[in-house]
Amino acid sequence: MKRALMFLLLGPALVVLATWVAVGMPPGDVVINVAVLLFLVTLPLSGIAGLIDGLLSTVFPILARVPLTATVGAMAPL
């Protein structure tokens, strides 16, 4: 349950938060639409990374899983 919460909710939410901070959080409908679009685009990618992390959790300790999961998450859009 914790893995699903982290990868499917907190991960995409942090992408949206980082984007809002980067642009200075201007008010407007365009920013909200971009935030929703970013959340929806990163949701399946985070799901893929979460699945891979779940599979690797039985074989590798967490310090070895971190770079492998990050690599899978970075290569998923390709």
PDB file of N, CA and C in Angstrom:
ATOM      1  N   MET A   1       0.816  -1.189   0.000  1.00  0.00           N
ATOM      2  CA  MET A   1       0.000   0.000   0.000  1.00  0.00           C
ATOM      3  C   MET A   1       0.866   1.262   0.000  1.00  0.00           C
ATOM      4  N   LYS A   2       1.973   1.231   0.732  1.00  0.00           N
ATOM      5  CA  LYS A   2       2.834   2.407   0.775  1.00  0.00           C
ATOM      6  C   LYS A   2       3.467   2.671  -0.587  1.00  0.00           C
ATOM      7  N   ARG A   3       3.828   1.583  -1.295  1.00  0.00           N
ATOM      8  CA  ARG A   3       4.457   1.748  -2.606  1.00  0.00           C
ATOM      9  C   ARG A   3       3.469   2.382  -3.587  1.00  0.00           C
ATOM     10  N   ALA A   4       2.228   1.937  -3.552  1.00  0.00           N
ATOM     11  CA  ALA A   4       1.212   2.509  -4.445  1.00  0.00           C
ATOM     12  C   ALA A   4       0.977   3.981  -4.134  1.00  0.00           C
ATOM     13  N   LEU A   5       0.930   4.320  -2.846  1.00  0.00           N
ATOM     14  CA  LEU A   5       0.732   5.715  -2.464  1.00  0.00           C
ATOM     15  C   LEU A   5       1.884   6.583  -2.947  1.00  0.00           C
ATOM     16  N   MET A   6       3.094   6.102  -2.780  1.00  0.00           N
ATOM     17  CA  MET A   6       4.264   6.885  -3.179  1.00  0.00           C
ATOM     18  C   MET A   6       4.344   7.061  -4.694  1.00  0.00           C
ATOM     19  N   PHE A   7       4.204   5.968  -5.412  1.00  0.00           N
ATOM     20  CA  PHE A   7       4.415   6.031  -6.853  1.00  0.00           C
ATOM     21  C   PHE A   7       3.218   6.602  -7.608  1.00  0.00           C
ATOM     22  N   LEU A   8       2.009   6.333  -7.167  1.00  0.00           N
ATOM     23  CA  LEU A   8       0.843   6.748  -7.944  1.00  0.00           C
ATOM     24  C   LEU A   8       0.219   8.066  -7.508  1.00  0.00           C
ATOM     25  N   LEU A   9       0.524   8.512  -6.306  1.00  0.00           N
ATOM     26  CA  LEU A   9      -0.058   9.776  -5.864  1.00  0.00           C
ATOM     27  C   LEU A   9       1.005  10.823  -5.572  1.00  0.00           C
ATOM     28  N   LEU A  10       1.962  10.471  -4.755  1.00  0.00           N
ATOM     29  CA  LEU A  10       2.949  11.456  -4.337  1.00  0.00           C
ATOM     30  C   LEU A  10       3.915  11.820  -5.469  1.00  0.00           C
ATOM     31  N   GLY A  11       4.311  10.848  -6.285  1.00  0.00           N
ATOM     32  CA  GLY A  11       5.242  11.130  -7.387  1.00  0.00           C
ATOM     33  C   GLY A  11       4.702  12.147  -8.381  1.00  0.00           C
ATOM     34  N   PRO A  12       3.529  11.896  -8.980  1.00  0.00           N
ATOM     35  CA  PRO A  12       2.976  12.897  -9.898  1.00  0.00           C
ATOM     36  C   PRO A  12       2.639  14.224  -9.225  1.00  0.00           C
ATOM     37  N   ALA A  13       2.228  14.178  -7.961  1.00  0.00           N
ATOM     38  CA  ALA A  13       1.931  15.434  -7.253  1.00  0.00           C
ATOM     39  C   ALA A  13       3.198  16.257  -7.056  1.00  0.00           C
ATOM     40  N   LEU A  14       4.321  15.607  -6.810  1.00  0.00           N
ATOM     41  CA  LEU A  14       5.575  16.343  -6.663  1.00  0.00           C
ATOM     42  C   LEU A  14       6.033  16.943  -7.990  1.00  0.00           C
ATOM     43  N   VAL A  15       5.726  16.287  -9.096  1.00  0.00           N
ATOM     44  CA  VAL A  15       6.037  16.862 -10.415  1.00  0.00           C
ATOM     45  C   VAL A  15       5.249  18.147 -10.612  1.00  0.00           C
ATOM     46  N   VAL A  16       3.980  18.125 -10.265  1.00  0.00           N
ATOM     47  CA  VAL A  16       3.135  19.315 -10.393  1.00  0.00           C
ATOM     48  C   VAL A  16       3.639  20.423  -9.467  1.00  0.00           C
ATOM     49  N   LEU A  17       3.974  20.081  -8.240  1.00  0.00           N
ATOM     50  CA  LEU A  17       4.468  21.073  -7.299  1.00  0.00           C
ATOM     51  C   LEU A  17       5.777  21.692  -7.762  1.00  0.00           C
ATOM     52  N   ALA A  18       6.678  20.871  -8.264  1.00  0.00           N
ATOM     53  CA  ALA A  18       7.957  21.395  -8.756  1.00  0.00           C
ATOM     54  C   ALA A  18       7.753  22.317  -9.952  1.00  0.00           C
ATOM     55  N   THR A  19       6.803  22.005 -10.810  1.00  0.00           N
ATOM     56  CA  THR A  19       6.511  22.861 -11.955  1.00  0.00           C
ATOM     57  C   THR A  19       5.919  24.185 -11.507  1.00  0.00           C
ATOM     58  N   TRP A  20       4.996  24.137 -10.551  1.00  0.00           N
ATOM     59  CA  TRP A  20       4.406  25.378 -10.045  1.00  0.00           C
ATOM     60  C   TRP A  20       5.452  26.263  -9.402  1.00  0.00           C
ATOM     61  N   VAL A  21       6.366  25.675  -8.647  1.00  0.00           N
ATOM     62  CA  VAL A  21       7.417  26.466  -8.009  1.00  0.00           C
ATOM     63  C   VAL A  21       8.353  27.048  -9.066  1.00  0.00           C
ATOM     64  N   ALA A  22       8.636  26.290 -10.108  1.00  0.00           N
ATOM     65  CA  ALA A  22       9.547  26.759 -11.155  1.00  0.00           C
ATOM     66  C   ALA A  22       8.981  27.950 -11.921  1.00  0.00           C
ATOM     67  N   VAL A  23       7.661  27.969 -12.128  1.00  0.00           N
ATOM     68  CA  VAL A  23       7.068  29.084 -12.875  1.00  0.00           C
ATOM     69  C   VAL A  23       6.548  30.179 -11.958  1.00  0.00           C
ATOM     70  N   GLY A  24       6.687  30.018 -10.664  1.00  0.00           N
ATOM     71  CA  GLY A  24       6.284  31.060  -9.734  1.00  0.00           C
ATOM     72  C   GLY A  24       4.820  31.038  -9.358  1.00  0.00           C
ATOM     73  N   MET A  25       4.115  29.962  -9.630  1.00  0.00           N
ATOM     74  CA  MET A  25       2.708  29.770  -9.288  1.00  0.00           C
ATOM     75  C   MET A  25       1.819  30.940  -9.701  1.00  0.00           C
ATOM     76  N   PRO A  26       1.821  31.335 -10.965  1.00  0.00           N
ATOM     77  CA  PRO A  26       0.915  32.423 -11.358  1.00  0.00           C
ATOM     78  C   PRO A  26      -0.536  31.923 -11.376  1.00  0.00           C
ATOM     79  N   PRO A  27      -1.463  32.780 -11.006  1.00  0.00           N
ATOM     80  CA  PRO A  27      -2.865  32.352 -11.030  1.00  0.00           C
ATOM     81  C   PRO A  27      -3.370  32.271 -12.462  1.00  0.00           C
ATOM     82  N   GLY A  28      -4.328  31.430 -12.678  1.00  0.00           N
ATOM     83  CA  GLY A  28      -4.941  31.355 -13.992  1.00  0.00           C
ATOM     84  C   GLY A  28      -5.337  29.944 -14.352  1.00  0.00           C
ATOM     85  N   ASP A  29      -6.237  29.860 -15.308  1.00  0.00           N
ATOM     86  CA  ASP A  29      -6.742  28.559 -15.728  1.00  0.00           C
ATOM     87  C   ASP A  29      -5.708  27.769 -16.511  1.00  0.00           C
ATOM     88  N   VAL A  30      -4.815  28.450 -17.196  1.00  0.00           N
ATOM     89  CA  VAL A  30      -3.809  27.756 -18.003  1.00  0.00           C
ATOM     90  C   VAL A  30      -2.876  26.944 -17.111  1.00  0.00           C
ATOM     91  N   VAL A  31      -2.490  27.511 -15.999  1.00  0.00           N
ATOM     92  CA  VAL A  31      -1.583  26.820 -15.082  1.00  0.00           C
ATOM     93  C   VAL A  31      -2.265  25.590 -14.493  1.00  0.00           C
ATOM     94  N   ILE A  32      -3.528  25.699 -14.157  1.00  0.00           N
ATOM     95  CA  ILE A  32      -4.261  24.553 -13.618  1.00  0.00           C
ATOM     96  C   ILE A  32      -4.384  23.462 -14.671  1.00  0.00           C
ATOM     97  N   ASN A  33      -4.649  23.839 -15.911  1.00  0.00           N
ATOM     98  CA  ASN A  33      -4.742  22.852 -16.983  1.00  0.00           C
ATOM     99  C   ASN A  33      -3.401  22.163 -17.223  1.00  0.00           C
ATOM    100  N   VAL A  34      -2.328  22.913 -17.181  1.00  0.00           N
ATOM    101  CA  VAL A  34      -0.997  22.317 -17.352  1.00  0.00           C
ATOM    102  C   VAL A  34      -0.685  21.389 -16.191  1.00  0.00           C
ATOM    103  N   ALA A  35      -1.062  21.771 -14.982  1.00  0.00           N
ATOM    104  CA  ALA A  35      -0.814  20.930 -13.816  1.00  0.00           C
ATOM    105  C   ALA A  35      -1.573  19.606 -13.919  1.00  0.00           C
ATOM    106  N   VAL A  36      -2.813  19.652 -14.334  1.00  0.00           N
ATOM    107  CA  VAL A  36      -3.600  18.426 -14.503  1.00  0.00           C
ATOM    108  C   VAL A  36      -3.003  17.566 -15.603  1.00  0.00           C
ATOM    109  N   LEU A  37      -2.575  18.184 -16.689  1.00  0.00           N
ATOM    110  CA  LEU A  37      -1.954  17.441 -17.782  1.00  0.00           C
ATOM    111  C   LEU A  37      -0.656  16.774 -17.329  1.00  0.00           C
ATOM    112  N   LEU A  38       0.165  17.492 -16.577  1.00  0.00           N
ATOM    113  CA  LEU A  38       1.396  16.900 -16.049  1.00  0.00           C
ATOM    114  C   LEU A  38       1.101  15.738 -15.122  1.00  0.00           C
ATOM    115  N   PHE A  39       0.098  15.876 -14.284  1.00  0.00           N
ATOM    116  CA  PHE A  39      -0.265  14.792 -13.376  1.00  0.00           C
ATOM    117  C   PHE A  39      -0.689  13.558 -14.161  1.00  0.00           C
ATOM    118  N   LEU A  40      -1.509  13.750 -15.183  1.00  0.00           N
ATOM    119  CA  LEU A  40      -2.006  12.613 -15.958  1.00  0.00           C
ATOM    120  C   LEU A  40      -0.915  11.961 -16.813  1.00  0.00           C
ATOM    121  N   VAL A  41       0.040  12.755 -17.271  1.00  0.00           N
ATOM    122  CA  VAL A  41       1.132  12.189 -18.077  1.00  0.00           C
ATOM    123  C   VAL A  41       2.092  11.396 -17.201  1.00  0.00           C
ATOM    124  N   THR A  42       2.381  11.882 -16.009  1.00  0.00           N
ATOM    125  CA  THR A  42       3.345  11.196 -15.156  1.00  0.00           C
ATOM    126  C   THR A  42       2.734  10.027 -14.393  1.00  0.00           C
ATOM    127  N   LEU A  43       1.424   9.938 -14.317  1.00  0.00           N
ATOM    128  CA  LEU A  43       0.778   8.859 -13.583  1.00  0.00           C
ATOM    129  C   LEU A  43       1.112   7.471 -14.140  1.00  0.00           C
ATOM    130  N   PRO A  44       0.960   7.212 -15.434  1.00  0.00           N
ATOM    131  CA  PRO A  44       1.316   5.866 -15.923  1.00  0.00           C
ATOM    132  C   PRO A  44       2.811   5.577 -15.839  1.00  0.00           C
ATOM    133  N   LEU A  45       3.638   6.605 -16.020  1.00  0.00           N
ATOM    134  CA  LEU A  45       5.081   6.390 -15.905  1.00  0.00           C
ATOM    135  C   LEU A  45       5.475   6.030 -14.482  1.00  0.00           C
ATOM    136  N   SER A  46       4.839   6.674 -13.522  1.00  0.00           N
ATOM    137  CA  SER A  46       5.090   6.329 -12.124  1.00  0.00           C
ATOM    138  C   SER A  46       4.564   4.936 -11.808  1.00  0.00           C
ATOM    139  N   GLY A  47       3.473   4.560 -12.419  1.00  0.00           N
ATOM    140  CA  GLY A  47       2.946   3.207 -12.226  1.00  0.00           C
ATOM    141  C   GLY A  47       3.903   2.143 -12.730  1.00  0.00           C
ATOM    142  N   ILE A  48       4.505   2.381 -13.882  1.00  0.00           N
ATOM    143  CA  ILE A  48       5.490   1.443 -14.424  1.00  0.00           C
ATOM    144  C   ILE A  48       6.698   1.340 -13.506  1.00  0.00           C
ATOM    145  N   ALA A  49       7.185   2.480 -13.039  1.00  0.00           N
ATOM    146  CA  ALA A  49       8.330   2.474 -12.122  1.00  0.00           C
ATOM    147  C   ALA A  49       7.972   1.779 -10.813  1.00  0.00           C
ATOM    148  N   GLY A  50       6.754   1.953 -10.336  1.00  0.00           N
ATOM    149  CA  GLY A  50       6.316   1.285  -9.115  1.00  0.00           C
ATOM    150  C   GLY A  50       6.233  -0.228  -9.277  1.00  0.00           C
ATOM    151  N   LEU A  51       5.752  -0.663 -10.427  1.00  0.00           N
ATOM    152  CA  LEU A  51       5.702  -2.110 -10.683  1.00  0.00           C
ATOM    153  C   LEU A  51       7.099  -2.715 -10.718  1.00  0.00           C
ATOM    154  N   ILE A  52       8.013  -2.053 -11.387  1.00  0.00           N
ATOM    155  CA  ILE A  52       9.387  -2.546 -11.446  1.00  0.00           C
ATOM    156  C   ILE A  52      10.011  -2.543 -10.056  1.00  0.00           C
ATOM    157  N   ASP A  53       9.758  -1.509  -9.272  1.00  0.00           N
ATOM    158  CA  ASP A  53      10.289  -1.447  -7.919  1.00  0.00           C
ATOM    159  C   ASP A  53       9.719  -2.579  -7.064  1.00  0.00           C
ATOM    160  N   GLY A  54       8.458  -2.886  -7.244  1.00  0.00           N
ATOM    161  CA  GLY A  54       7.852  -3.993  -6.509  1.00  0.00           C
ATOM    162  C   GLY A  54       8.475  -5.331  -6.875  1.00  0.00           C
ATOM    163  N   LEU A  55       8.766  -5.526  -8.147  1.00  0.00           N
ATOM    164  CA  LEU A  55       9.416  -6.768  -8.572  1.00  0.00           C
ATOM    165  C   LEU A  55      10.850  -6.856  -8.066  1.00  0.00           C
ATOM    166  N   LEU A  56      11.546  -5.749  -8.073  1.00  0.00           N
ATOM    167  CA  LEU A  56      12.936  -5.748  -7.622  1.00  0.00           C
ATOM    168  C   LEU A  56      13.071  -5.809  -6.103  1.00  0.00           C
ATOM    169  N   SER A  57      11.995  -5.515  -5.367  1.00  0.00           N
ATOM    170  CA  SER A  57      12.088  -5.470  -3.908  1.00  0.00           C
ATOM    171  C   SER A  57      12.340  -6.841  -3.297  1.00  0.00           C
ATOM    172  N   THR A  58      11.989  -7.895  -4.011  1.00  0.00           N
ATOM    173  CA  THR A  58      12.241  -9.235  -3.475  1.00  0.00           C
ATOM    174  C   THR A  58      13.674  -9.686  -3.705  1.00  0.00           C
ATOM    175  N   VAL A  59      14.385  -9.039  -4.619  1.00  0.00           N
ATOM    176  CA  VAL A  59      15.721  -9.486  -4.991  1.00  0.00           C
ATOM    177  C   VAL A  59      16.811  -8.560  -4.453  1.00  0.00           C
ATOM    178  N   PHE A  60      16.605  -7.257  -4.540  1.00  0.00           N
ATOM    179  CA  PHE A  60      17.641  -6.285  -4.199  1.00  0.00           C
ATOM    180  C   PHE A  60      17.281  -5.488  -2.955  1.00  0.00           C
ATOM    181  N   PRO A  61      18.284  -5.065  -2.187  1.00  0.00           N
ATOM    182  CA  PRO A  61      18.008  -4.116  -1.098  1.00  0.00           C
ATOM    183  C   PRO A  61      17.707  -2.732  -1.678  1.00  0.00           C
ATOM    184  N   ILE A  62      17.219  -1.859  -0.835  1.00  0.00           N
ATOM    185  CA  ILE A  62      16.732  -0.559  -1.320  1.00  0.00           C
ATOM    186  C   ILE A  62      17.833   0.284  -1.961  1.00  0.00           C
ATOM    187  N   LEU A  63      19.041   0.237  -1.437  1.00  0.00           N
ATOM    188  CA  LEU A  63      20.107   1.059  -2.009  1.00  0.00           C
ATOM    189  C   LEU A  63      20.507   0.591  -3.410  1.00  0.00           C
ATOM    190  N   ALA A  64      20.308  -0.656  -3.718  1.00  0.00           N
ATOM    191  CA  ALA A  64      20.577  -1.142  -5.071  1.00  0.00           C
ATOM    192  C   ALA A  64      19.382  -0.909  -5.992  1.00  0.00           C
ATOM    193  N   ARG A  65      18.175  -0.851  -5.415  1.00  0.00           N
ATOM    194  CA  ARG A  65      16.965  -0.655  -6.221  1.00  0.00           C
ATOM    195  C   ARG A  65      16.793   0.764  -6.696  1.00  0.00           C
ATOM    196  N   VAL A  66      17.268   1.726  -5.958  1.00  0.00           N
ATOM    197  CA  VAL A  66      17.036   3.140  -6.288  1.00  0.00           C
ATOM    198  C   VAL A  66      17.543   3.491  -7.679  1.00  0.00           C
ATOM    199  N   PRO A  67      18.804   3.201  -8.034  1.00  0.00           N
ATOM    200  CA  PRO A  67      19.237   3.568  -9.390  1.00  0.00           C
ATOM    201  C   PRO A  67      18.539   2.756 -10.477  1.00  0.00           C
ATOM    202  N   LEU A  68      18.199   1.502 -10.190  1.00  0.00           N
ATOM    203  CA  LEU A  68      17.507   0.689 -11.186  1.00  0.00           C
ATOM    204  C   LEU A  68      16.096   1.216 -11.446  1.00  0.00           C
ATOM    205  N   THR A  69      15.390   1.569 -10.388  1.00  0.00           N
ATOM    206  CA  THR A  69      14.040   2.117 -10.541  1.00  0.00           C
ATOM    207  C   THR A  69      14.072   3.477 -11.230  1.00  0.00           C
ATOM    208  N   ALA A  70      15.041   4.300 -10.892  1.00  0.00           N
ATOM    209  CA  ALA A  70      15.169   5.612 -11.545  1.00  0.00           C
ATOM    210  C   ALA A  70      15.480   5.451 -13.027  1.00  0.00           C
ATOM    211  N   THR A  71      16.294   4.473 -13.374  1.00  0.00           N
ATOM    212  CA  THR A  71      16.610   4.222 -14.776  1.00  0.00           C
ATOM    213  C   THR A  71      15.379   3.768 -15.545  1.00  0.00           C
ATOM    214  N   VAL A  72      14.610   2.871 -14.956  1.00  0.00           N
ATOM    215  CA  VAL A  72      13.378   2.405 -15.615  1.00  0.00           C
ATOM    216  C   VAL A  72      12.398   3.562 -15.771  1.00  0.00           C
ATOM    217  N   GLY A  73      12.262   4.386 -14.741  1.00  0.00           N
ATOM    218  CA  GLY A  73      11.351   5.526 -14.824  1.00  0.00           C
ATOM    219  C   GLY A  73      11.785   6.544 -15.869  1.00  0.00           C
ATOM    220  N   ALA A  74      13.086   6.699 -16.031  1.00  0.00           N
ATOM    221  CA  ALA A  74      13.587   7.644 -17.027  1.00  0.00           C
ATOM    222  C   ALA A  74      13.465   7.101 -18.439  1.00  0.00           C
ATOM    223  N   MET A  75      13.550   5.791 -18.589  1.00  0.00           N
ATOM    224  CA  MET A  75      13.484   5.185 -19.922  1.00  0.00           C
ATOM    225  C   MET A  75      12.067   4.817 -20.345  1.00  0.00           C
ATOM    226  N   ALA A  76      11.105   4.860 -19.437  1.00  0.00           N
ATOM    227  CA  ALA A  76       9.727   4.480 -19.762  1.00  0.00           C
ATOM    228  C   ALA A  76       9.115   5.325 -20.883  1.00  0.00           C
ATOM    229  N   PRO A  77       9.365   6.633 -20.964  1.00  0.00           N
ATOM    230  CA  PRO A  77       8.763   7.391 -22.065  1.00  0.00           C
ATOM    231  C   PRO A  77       9.339   7.051 -23.441  1.00  0.00           C
ATOM    232  N   LEU A  78      10.514   6.465 -23.468  1.00  0.00           N
ATOM    233  CA  LEU A  78      11.116   6.139 -24.757  1.00  0.00           C
ATOM    234  C   LEU A  78      10.404   4.969 -25.335  1.00  0.00           C
TER     235      LEU A  78
END
